[in-house]
Amino acid sequence: MRITVLAVGKIKEKFYTEAVAEYAKRLSRYCKLEIIEAADEKTPDGAGEAAIRRIREKEGERILSHVKDGMYVIALAINGKARSSEGLSEHLSGLGLSGKSHIAFVIGGSLGLSDAVLKRADETLSFSSMTFPHQLMRVILLEQVYRSFKIQAGEPYHK
């Protein structure tokens, strides 16, 4: 299975970079992982709704430029479907069995995802109704994908 993480922005903090690298290394046993970073837009102080929408649209265009035919796109969104770790594992396994072997997870920037990205997504996934820094979300996502593969393999990790 191929897993692509399409994320807005670069990770700046060393501890996040190290965590992403660790989970990427662990995942290499189970899948081909690719992480693509789309440039983020600077948000001016006091930006109005129109400016925020334009920023989301620009970031969305950059994300969509990396979405290829055949990718099954899962956008991370607060109002998406919530799943347990076991449920995510079962879902990813089912996608693979149904011929969807290239899964792309999309993480938006600090202002969220554009309507165009949400429209292109095959589904939306919520990790919580809380808001997380998008850099931390990359670590959380990779950990849960790793946990999913461990559950599928029946290997100890998931408790």
N, C-alpha and C. Protein backbone atom coordinates (compact mmCIF):
# COMPACT_ATOMS: atom_id res chain seq x y z
N MET A 1 0.85 -1.19 0.00
CA MET A 1 0.00 0.00 0.00
C MET A 1 0.89 1.24 0.00
N ARG A 2 0.42 2.26 -0.69
CA ARG A 2 1.11 3.55 -0.70
C ARG A 2 0.31 4.53 0.14
N ILE A 3 1.00 5.25 1.00
CA ILE A 3 0.40 6.29 1.81
C ILE A 3 1.11 7.59 1.48
N THR A 4 0.34 8.60 1.10
CA THR A 4 0.89 9.93 0.87
C THR A 4 0.26 10.87 1.87
N VAL A 5 1.09 11.67 2.50
CA VAL A 5 0.60 12.72 3.38
C VAL A 5 0.86 14.04 2.66
N LEU A 6 -0.23 14.74 2.33
CA LEU A 6 -0.14 16.05 1.70
C LEU A 6 -0.43 17.07 2.78
N ALA A 7 0.56 17.86 3.13
CA ALA A 7 0.41 18.79 4.25
C ALA A 7 0.81 20.20 3.84
N VAL A 8 0.07 21.15 4.36
CA VAL A 8 0.41 22.55 4.12
C VAL A 8 1.46 22.97 5.13
N GLY A 9 2.52 23.57 4.64
CA GLY A 9 3.56 24.11 5.51
C GLY A 9 4.67 23.13 5.82
N LYS A 10 5.79 23.69 6.23
CA LYS A 10 6.96 22.91 6.63
C LYS A 10 6.95 22.76 8.14
N ILE A 11 7.53 21.67 8.60
CA ILE A 11 7.69 21.50 10.04
C ILE A 11 8.96 22.24 10.45
N LYS A 12 8.82 23.10 11.43
CA LYS A 12 9.94 23.92 11.85
C LYS A 12 10.60 23.41 13.13
N GLU A 13 9.82 22.85 14.04
CA GLU A 13 10.37 22.40 15.32
C GLU A 13 11.06 21.06 15.18
N LYS A 14 12.24 20.97 15.75
CA LYS A 14 13.06 19.76 15.65
C LYS A 14 12.34 18.54 16.24
N PHE A 15 11.64 18.71 17.35
CA PHE A 15 10.99 17.56 17.99
C PHE A 15 9.88 16.99 17.11
N TYR A 16 9.17 17.83 16.35
CA TYR A 16 8.18 17.31 15.41
C TYR A 16 8.87 16.59 14.25
N THR A 17 9.93 17.17 13.74
CA THR A 17 10.68 16.57 12.64
C THR A 17 11.20 15.19 13.03
N GLU A 18 11.72 15.09 14.24
CA GLU A 18 12.25 13.80 14.71
C GLU A 18 11.13 12.78 14.87
N ALA A 19 9.98 13.20 15.37
CA ALA A 19 8.85 12.28 15.53
C ALA A 19 8.35 11.80 14.17
N VAL A 20 8.23 12.70 13.20
CA VAL A 20 7.81 12.32 11.85
C VAL A 20 8.81 11.32 11.26
N ALA A 21 10.09 11.59 11.42
CA ALA A 21 11.12 10.69 10.89
C ALA A 21 11.03 9.31 11.55
N GLU A 22 10.78 9.27 12.84
CA GLU A 22 10.66 7.99 13.55
C GLU A 22 9.48 7.17 13.03
N TYR A 23 8.31 7.82 12.89
CA TYR A 23 7.16 7.07 12.38
C TYR A 23 7.33 6.70 10.91
N ALA A 24 7.99 7.54 10.13
CA ALA A 24 8.26 7.19 8.73
C ALA A 24 9.14 5.94 8.67
N LYS A 25 10.13 5.87 9.54
CA LYS A 25 11.00 4.69 9.59
C LYS A 25 10.20 3.45 9.98
N ARG A 26 9.37 3.57 10.99
CA ARG A 26 8.56 2.43 11.44
C ARG A 26 7.58 1.98 10.35
N LEU A 27 7.00 2.94 9.65
CA LEU A 27 6.02 2.61 8.61
C LEU A 27 6.66 1.96 7.38
N SER A 28 7.95 2.13 7.19
CA SER A 28 8.60 1.58 6.00
C SER A 28 8.47 0.06 5.92
N ARG A 29 8.20 -0.62 7.02
CA ARG A 29 7.96 -2.07 7.02
C ARG A 29 6.61 -2.43 6.41
N TYR A 30 5.68 -1.49 6.42
CA TYR A 30 4.30 -1.79 6.08
C TYR A 30 3.79 -1.13 4.80
N CYS A 31 4.39 -0.03 4.41
CA CYS A 31 3.88 0.70 3.25
C CYS A 31 4.98 1.56 2.66
N LYS A 32 4.67 2.09 1.49
CA LYS A 32 5.55 3.10 0.88
C LYS A 32 4.96 4.44 1.27
N LEU A 33 5.70 5.20 2.05
CA LEU A 33 5.23 6.48 2.57
C LEU A 33 5.90 7.63 1.83
N GLU A 34 5.08 8.61 1.48
CA GLU A 34 5.58 9.85 0.86
C GLU A 34 4.95 11.01 1.60
N ILE A 35 5.76 11.98 1.96
CA ILE A 35 5.25 13.19 2.61
C ILE A 35 5.54 14.36 1.68
N ILE A 36 4.48 15.06 1.30
CA ILE A 36 4.61 16.21 0.40
C ILE A 36 4.15 17.45 1.16
N GLU A 37 4.99 18.46 1.16
CA GLU A 37 4.67 19.73 1.81
C GLU A 37 4.33 20.77 0.77
N ALA A 38 3.13 21.32 0.88
CA ALA A 38 2.71 22.43 0.01
C ALA A 38 2.98 23.72 0.77
N ALA A 39 3.47 24.72 0.08
CA ALA A 39 3.80 25.99 0.73
C ALA A 39 2.55 26.61 1.34
N ASP A 40 2.74 27.20 2.51
CA ASP A 40 1.63 27.90 3.15
C ASP A 40 1.70 29.38 2.83
N GLU A 41 0.59 30.04 3.01
CA GLU A 41 0.48 31.48 2.77
C GLU A 41 0.58 32.22 4.10
N LYS A 42 1.18 33.36 4.07
CA LYS A 42 1.25 34.19 5.26
C LYS A 42 -0.12 34.84 5.47
N THR A 43 -0.63 34.77 6.69
CA THR A 43 -1.92 35.38 7.00
C THR A 43 -1.67 36.72 7.68
N PRO A 44 -2.09 37.81 7.06
CA PRO A 44 -1.88 39.12 7.67
C PRO A 44 -2.72 39.26 8.95
N ASP A 45 -2.21 40.01 9.91
CA ASP A 45 -2.98 40.28 11.12
C ASP A 45 -4.29 40.96 10.75
N GLY A 46 -5.34 40.54 11.38
CA GLY A 46 -6.65 41.15 11.14
C GLY A 46 -7.25 40.82 9.79
N ALA A 47 -6.82 39.70 9.19
CA ALA A 47 -7.34 39.31 7.88
C ALA A 47 -8.84 39.08 7.96
N GLY A 48 -9.56 39.59 6.98
CA GLY A 48 -11.00 39.41 6.92
C GLY A 48 -11.35 38.07 6.29
N GLU A 49 -12.64 37.76 6.27
CA GLU A 49 -13.11 36.48 5.73
C GLU A 49 -12.72 36.30 4.27
N ALA A 50 -12.77 37.36 3.46
CA ALA A 50 -12.40 37.25 2.04
C ALA A 50 -10.92 36.90 1.89
N ALA A 51 -10.06 37.52 2.69
CA ALA A 51 -8.63 37.23 2.63
C ALA A 51 -8.35 35.80 3.10
N ILE A 52 -9.04 35.38 4.12
CA ILE A 52 -8.87 34.01 4.63
C ILE A 52 -9.30 33.00 3.57
N ARG A 53 -10.40 33.26 2.89
CA ARG A 53 -10.88 32.37 1.83
C ARG A 53 -9.85 32.29 0.70
N ARG A 54 -9.28 33.45 0.31
CA ARG A 54 -8.26 33.46 -0.76
C ARG A 54 -7.03 32.64 -0.35
N ILE A 55 -6.62 32.77 0.91
CA ILE A 55 -5.47 32.01 1.40
C ILE A 55 -5.76 30.52 1.33
N ARG A 56 -6.93 30.12 1.82
CA ARG A 56 -7.33 28.70 1.76
C ARG A 56 -7.33 28.20 0.32
N GLU A 57 -7.86 29.04 -0.60
CA GLU A 57 -7.92 28.65 -2.01
C GLU A 57 -6.53 28.45 -2.61
N LYS A 58 -5.61 29.36 -2.30
CA LYS A 58 -4.24 29.24 -2.82
C LYS A 58 -3.57 27.97 -2.28
N GLU A 59 -3.71 27.75 -0.98
CA GLU A 59 -3.13 26.55 -0.39
C GLU A 59 -3.80 25.30 -0.97
N GLY A 60 -5.11 25.38 -1.19
CA GLY A 60 -5.85 24.27 -1.76
C GLY A 60 -5.38 23.93 -3.17
N GLU A 61 -5.11 24.95 -3.98
CA GLU A 61 -4.60 24.72 -5.34
C GLU A 61 -3.27 23.98 -5.29
N ARG A 62 -2.43 24.37 -4.34
CA ARG A 62 -1.12 23.71 -4.20
C ARG A 62 -1.30 22.25 -3.79
N ILE A 63 -2.22 22.00 -2.87
CA ILE A 63 -2.49 20.62 -2.45
C ILE A 63 -3.00 19.81 -3.64
N LEU A 64 -4.01 20.35 -4.32
CA LEU A 64 -4.64 19.61 -5.43
C LEU A 64 -3.68 19.35 -6.58
N SER A 65 -2.64 20.16 -6.72
CA SER A 65 -1.66 19.92 -7.78
C SER A 65 -0.88 18.62 -7.55
N HIS A 66 -0.91 18.11 -6.32
CA HIS A 66 -0.21 16.87 -5.99
C HIS A 66 -1.14 15.65 -5.95
N VAL A 67 -2.45 15.88 -6.08
CA VAL A 67 -3.40 14.78 -6.05
C VAL A 67 -3.43 14.15 -7.45
N LYS A 68 -3.16 12.86 -7.48
CA LYS A 68 -3.11 12.13 -8.75
C LYS A 68 -4.34 11.25 -8.92
N ASP A 69 -4.64 10.94 -10.18
CA ASP A 69 -5.73 10.00 -10.46
C ASP A 69 -5.43 8.69 -9.74
N GLY A 70 -6.44 8.08 -9.20
CA GLY A 70 -6.27 6.80 -8.53
C GLY A 70 -6.01 6.92 -7.04
N MET A 71 -5.68 8.13 -6.58
CA MET A 71 -5.50 8.32 -5.13
C MET A 71 -6.87 8.32 -4.46
N TYR A 72 -6.96 7.68 -3.33
CA TYR A 72 -8.14 7.78 -2.49
C TYR A 72 -7.80 8.84 -1.45
N VAL A 73 -8.52 9.96 -1.48
CA VAL A 73 -8.16 11.13 -0.68
C VAL A 73 -9.00 11.22 0.59
N ILE A 74 -8.30 11.26 1.70
CA ILE A 74 -8.93 11.44 3.02
C ILE A 74 -8.47 12.77 3.57
N ALA A 75 -9.39 13.72 3.66
CA ALA A 75 -9.07 15.04 4.19
C ALA A 75 -9.32 15.05 5.70
N LEU A 76 -8.36 15.56 6.45
CA LEU A 76 -8.53 15.68 7.89
C LEU A 76 -9.30 16.96 8.17
N ALA A 77 -10.43 16.82 8.83
CA ALA A 77 -11.30 17.96 9.10
C ALA A 77 -12.03 17.74 10.42
N ILE A 78 -12.18 18.78 11.19
CA ILE A 78 -12.85 18.68 12.49
C ILE A 78 -14.23 18.05 12.35
N ASN A 79 -14.96 18.39 11.30
CA ASN A 79 -16.32 17.88 11.14
C ASN A 79 -16.39 16.58 10.34
N GLY A 80 -15.24 15.91 10.17
CA GLY A 80 -15.21 14.64 9.46
C GLY A 80 -15.71 13.50 10.33
N LYS A 81 -15.64 12.30 9.78
CA LYS A 81 -16.09 11.10 10.50
C LYS A 81 -15.04 10.73 11.54
N ALA A 82 -15.49 10.51 12.75
CA ALA A 82 -14.60 10.07 13.82
C ALA A 82 -14.51 8.55 13.79
N ARG A 83 -13.31 8.03 13.98
CA ARG A 83 -13.10 6.58 14.02
C ARG A 83 -12.20 6.25 15.20
N SER A 84 -12.39 5.07 15.75
CA SER A 84 -11.46 4.56 16.75
C SER A 84 -10.20 4.09 16.01
N SER A 85 -9.16 3.79 16.77
CA SER A 85 -7.94 3.25 16.14
C SER A 85 -8.25 1.94 15.44
N GLU A 86 -9.04 1.09 16.08
CA GLU A 86 -9.42 -0.17 15.46
C GLU A 86 -10.27 0.07 14.20
N GLY A 87 -11.15 1.05 14.28
CA GLY A 87 -11.99 1.38 13.13
C GLY A 87 -11.18 1.91 11.96
N LEU A 88 -10.18 2.73 12.24
CA LEU A 88 -9.32 3.24 11.17
C LEU A 88 -8.53 2.09 10.55
N SER A 89 -8.02 1.21 11.38
CA SER A 89 -7.27 0.05 10.88
C SER A 89 -8.14 -0.80 9.95
N GLU A 90 -9.34 -1.08 10.40
CA GLU A 90 -10.27 -1.88 9.60
C GLU A 90 -10.61 -1.17 8.29
N HIS A 91 -10.82 0.14 8.37
CA HIS A 91 -11.17 0.93 7.18
C HIS A 91 -10.02 0.91 6.16
N LEU A 92 -8.80 1.15 6.62
CA LEU A 92 -7.65 1.15 5.71
C LEU A 92 -7.46 -0.22 5.08
N SER A 93 -7.64 -1.27 5.87
CA SER A 93 -7.55 -2.62 5.34
C SER A 93 -8.61 -2.85 4.26
N GLY A 94 -9.83 -2.41 4.53
CA GLY A 94 -10.92 -2.55 3.57
C GLY A 94 -10.67 -1.79 2.29
N LEU A 95 -10.08 -0.60 2.41
CA LEU A 95 -9.76 0.17 1.21
C LEU A 95 -8.76 -0.60 0.35
N GLY A 96 -7.74 -1.15 0.99
CA GLY A 96 -6.74 -1.92 0.26
C GLY A 96 -7.35 -3.13 -0.43
N LEU A 97 -8.23 -3.83 0.29
CA LEU A 97 -8.87 -5.02 -0.28
C LEU A 97 -9.80 -4.68 -1.44
N SER A 98 -10.33 -3.45 -1.44
CA SER A 98 -11.23 -3.05 -2.52
C SER A 98 -10.48 -2.41 -3.69
N GLY A 99 -9.14 -2.49 -3.67
CA GLY A 99 -8.35 -2.00 -4.80
C GLY A 99 -7.87 -0.57 -4.67
N LYS A 100 -8.13 0.06 -3.56
CA LYS A 100 -7.64 1.43 -3.34
C LYS A 100 -6.31 1.33 -2.60
N SER A 101 -5.26 1.20 -3.37
CA SER A 101 -3.95 0.93 -2.79
C SER A 101 -3.09 2.18 -2.59
N HIS A 102 -3.60 3.33 -3.00
CA HIS A 102 -2.87 4.59 -2.79
C HIS A 102 -3.78 5.54 -2.03
N ILE A 103 -3.49 5.70 -0.75
CA ILE A 103 -4.28 6.55 0.13
C ILE A 103 -3.52 7.85 0.36
N ALA A 104 -4.19 8.97 0.15
CA ALA A 104 -3.59 10.29 0.41
C ALA A 104 -4.36 10.95 1.55
N PHE A 105 -3.65 11.27 2.62
CA PHE A 105 -4.22 12.02 3.73
C PHE A 105 -3.84 13.48 3.53
N VAL A 106 -4.81 14.38 3.67
CA VAL A 106 -4.56 15.80 3.46
C VAL A 106 -4.72 16.55 4.78
N ILE A 107 -3.68 17.30 5.14
CA ILE A 107 -3.69 18.13 6.35
C ILE A 107 -3.59 19.58 5.89
N GLY A 108 -4.58 20.37 6.23
CA GLY A 108 -4.58 21.77 5.84
C GLY A 108 -3.67 22.61 6.71
N GLY A 109 -3.60 23.88 6.37
CA GLY A 109 -2.83 24.82 7.15
C GLY A 109 -3.61 25.33 8.35
N SER A 110 -3.14 26.39 8.94
CA SER A 110 -3.76 26.91 10.16
C SER A 110 -5.18 27.43 9.93
N LEU A 111 -5.53 27.71 8.68
CA LEU A 111 -6.88 28.20 8.38
C LEU A 111 -7.81 27.10 7.87
N GLY A 112 -7.31 25.88 7.80
CA GLY A 112 -8.13 24.77 7.34
C GLY A 112 -7.98 24.52 5.86
N LEU A 113 -8.94 23.75 5.32
CA LEU A 113 -8.90 23.33 3.92
C LEU A 113 -9.90 24.10 3.07
N SER A 114 -9.56 24.28 1.82
CA SER A 114 -10.46 24.97 0.88
C SER A 114 -11.64 24.08 0.53
N ASP A 115 -12.70 24.71 0.05
CA ASP A 115 -13.87 23.95 -0.40
C ASP A 115 -13.50 23.00 -1.53
N ALA A 116 -12.58 23.42 -2.40
CA ALA A 116 -12.18 22.58 -3.53
C ALA A 116 -11.50 21.30 -3.05
N VAL A 117 -10.68 21.39 -2.02
CA VAL A 117 -10.02 20.20 -1.48
C VAL A 117 -11.05 19.29 -0.83
N LEU A 118 -11.95 19.87 -0.06
CA LEU A 118 -12.99 19.07 0.60
C LEU A 118 -13.90 18.40 -0.43
N LYS A 119 -14.16 19.09 -1.53
CA LYS A 119 -15.00 18.52 -2.59
C LYS A 119 -14.29 17.35 -3.28
N ARG A 120 -12.99 17.47 -3.49
CA ARG A 120 -12.20 16.40 -4.14
C ARG A 120 -12.03 15.18 -3.23
N ALA A 121 -12.04 15.41 -1.93
CA ALA A 121 -11.80 14.31 -0.99
C ALA A 121 -12.87 13.23 -1.13
N ASP A 122 -12.43 12.00 -1.01
CA ASP A 122 -13.36 10.87 -1.03
C ASP A 122 -14.06 10.74 0.32
N GLU A 123 -13.42 11.24 1.35
CA GLU A 123 -14.02 11.26 2.69
C GLU A 123 -13.26 12.25 3.56
N THR A 124 -13.88 12.60 4.67
CA THR A 124 -13.21 13.43 5.66
C THR A 124 -13.09 12.62 6.94
N LEU A 125 -12.01 12.85 7.67
CA LEU A 125 -11.71 12.13 8.89
C LEU A 125 -11.42 13.13 9.99
N SER A 126 -12.02 12.92 11.15
CA SER A 126 -11.77 13.79 12.30
C SER A 126 -11.04 13.01 13.37
N PHE A 127 -10.00 13.59 13.91
CA PHE A 127 -9.29 12.99 15.03
C PHE A 127 -9.83 13.50 16.35
N SER A 128 -10.54 14.62 16.32
CA SER A 128 -11.08 15.21 17.54
C SER A 128 -11.85 16.46 17.16
N SER A 129 -12.73 16.89 18.06
CA SER A 129 -13.38 18.17 17.82
C SER A 129 -12.50 19.31 18.33
N MET A 130 -11.38 18.96 18.94
CA MET A 130 -10.41 19.98 19.37
C MET A 130 -9.55 20.40 18.18
N THR A 131 -8.95 21.55 18.28
CA THR A 131 -8.04 22.05 17.26
C THR A 131 -6.61 21.73 17.67
N PHE A 132 -5.83 21.18 16.73
CA PHE A 132 -4.43 20.88 16.98
C PHE A 132 -3.57 21.68 16.02
N PRO A 133 -2.33 21.99 16.41
CA PRO A 133 -1.41 22.61 15.45
C PRO A 133 -1.23 21.66 14.26
N HIS A 134 -1.23 22.20 13.05
CA HIS A 134 -1.15 21.31 11.89
C HIS A 134 0.17 20.54 11.84
N GLN A 135 1.23 21.07 12.45
CA GLN A 135 2.49 20.33 12.49
C GLN A 135 2.37 19.12 13.41
N LEU A 136 1.73 19.28 14.55
CA LEU A 136 1.50 18.17 15.47
C LEU A 136 0.56 17.14 14.84
N MET A 137 -0.39 17.61 14.06
CA MET A 137 -1.35 16.70 13.42
C MET A 137 -0.65 15.70 12.52
N ARG A 138 0.44 16.11 11.90
CA ARG A 138 1.19 15.20 11.04
C ARG A 138 1.74 14.03 11.87
N VAL A 139 2.26 14.34 13.06
CA VAL A 139 2.78 13.30 13.95
C VAL A 139 1.64 12.38 14.41
N ILE A 140 0.53 12.96 14.82
CA ILE A 140 -0.62 12.17 15.28
C ILE A 140 -1.11 11.26 14.16
N LEU A 141 -1.23 11.79 12.96
CA LEU A 141 -1.69 10.99 11.82
C LEU A 141 -0.75 9.81 11.57
N LEU A 142 0.55 10.07 11.50
CA LEU A 142 1.50 9.00 11.22
C LEU A 142 1.48 7.94 12.31
N GLU A 143 1.33 8.36 13.56
CA GLU A 143 1.24 7.40 14.65
C GLU A 143 0.02 6.51 14.48
N GLN A 144 -1.12 7.10 14.12
CA GLN A 144 -2.34 6.32 13.97
C GLN A 144 -2.29 5.40 12.74
N VAL A 145 -1.64 5.83 11.68
CA VAL A 145 -1.47 4.96 10.51
C VAL A 145 -0.56 3.79 10.89
N TYR A 146 0.51 4.07 11.62
CA TYR A 146 1.40 3.01 12.10
C TYR A 146 0.63 2.05 13.00
N ARG A 147 -0.14 2.57 13.92
CA ARG A 147 -0.96 1.75 14.81
C ARG A 147 -1.92 0.87 13.99
N SER A 148 -2.50 1.45 12.93
CA SER A 148 -3.42 0.70 12.07
C SER A 148 -2.74 -0.52 11.46
N PHE A 149 -1.53 -0.34 10.95
CA PHE A 149 -0.81 -1.46 10.34
C PHE A 149 -0.43 -2.50 11.39
N LYS A 150 -0.06 -2.06 12.59
CA LYS A 150 0.26 -3.00 13.67
C LYS A 150 -0.97 -3.82 14.05
N ILE A 151 -2.13 -3.17 14.12
CA ILE A 151 -3.37 -3.87 14.44
C ILE A 151 -3.66 -4.90 13.34
N GLN A 152 -3.56 -4.48 12.08
CA GLN A 152 -3.82 -5.39 10.96
C GLN A 152 -2.91 -6.61 11.01
N ALA A 153 -1.66 -6.40 11.40
CA ALA A 153 -0.68 -7.49 11.42
C ALA A 153 -0.80 -8.33 12.68
N GLY A 154 -1.63 -7.91 13.62
CA GLY A 154 -1.79 -8.65 14.87
C GLY A 154 -0.54 -8.56 15.75
N GLU A 155 0.23 -7.52 15.57
CA GLU A 155 1.47 -7.35 16.33
C GLU A 155 1.23 -6.51 17.57
N PRO A 156 2.00 -6.77 18.62
CA PRO A 156 1.81 -5.97 19.84
C PRO A 156 2.27 -4.52 19.62
N TYR A 157 1.51 -3.64 20.04
CA TYR A 157 1.77 -2.20 20.05
C TYR A 157 0.52 -1.53 20.56
N HIS A 158 -0.59 -1.89 19.92
CA HIS A 158 -1.87 -1.32 20.28
C HIS A 158 -2.32 -1.92 21.60
N LYS A 159 -2.64 -1.08 22.55
CA LYS A 159 -3.10 -1.58 23.85
C LYS A 159 -4.50 -1.10 24.11
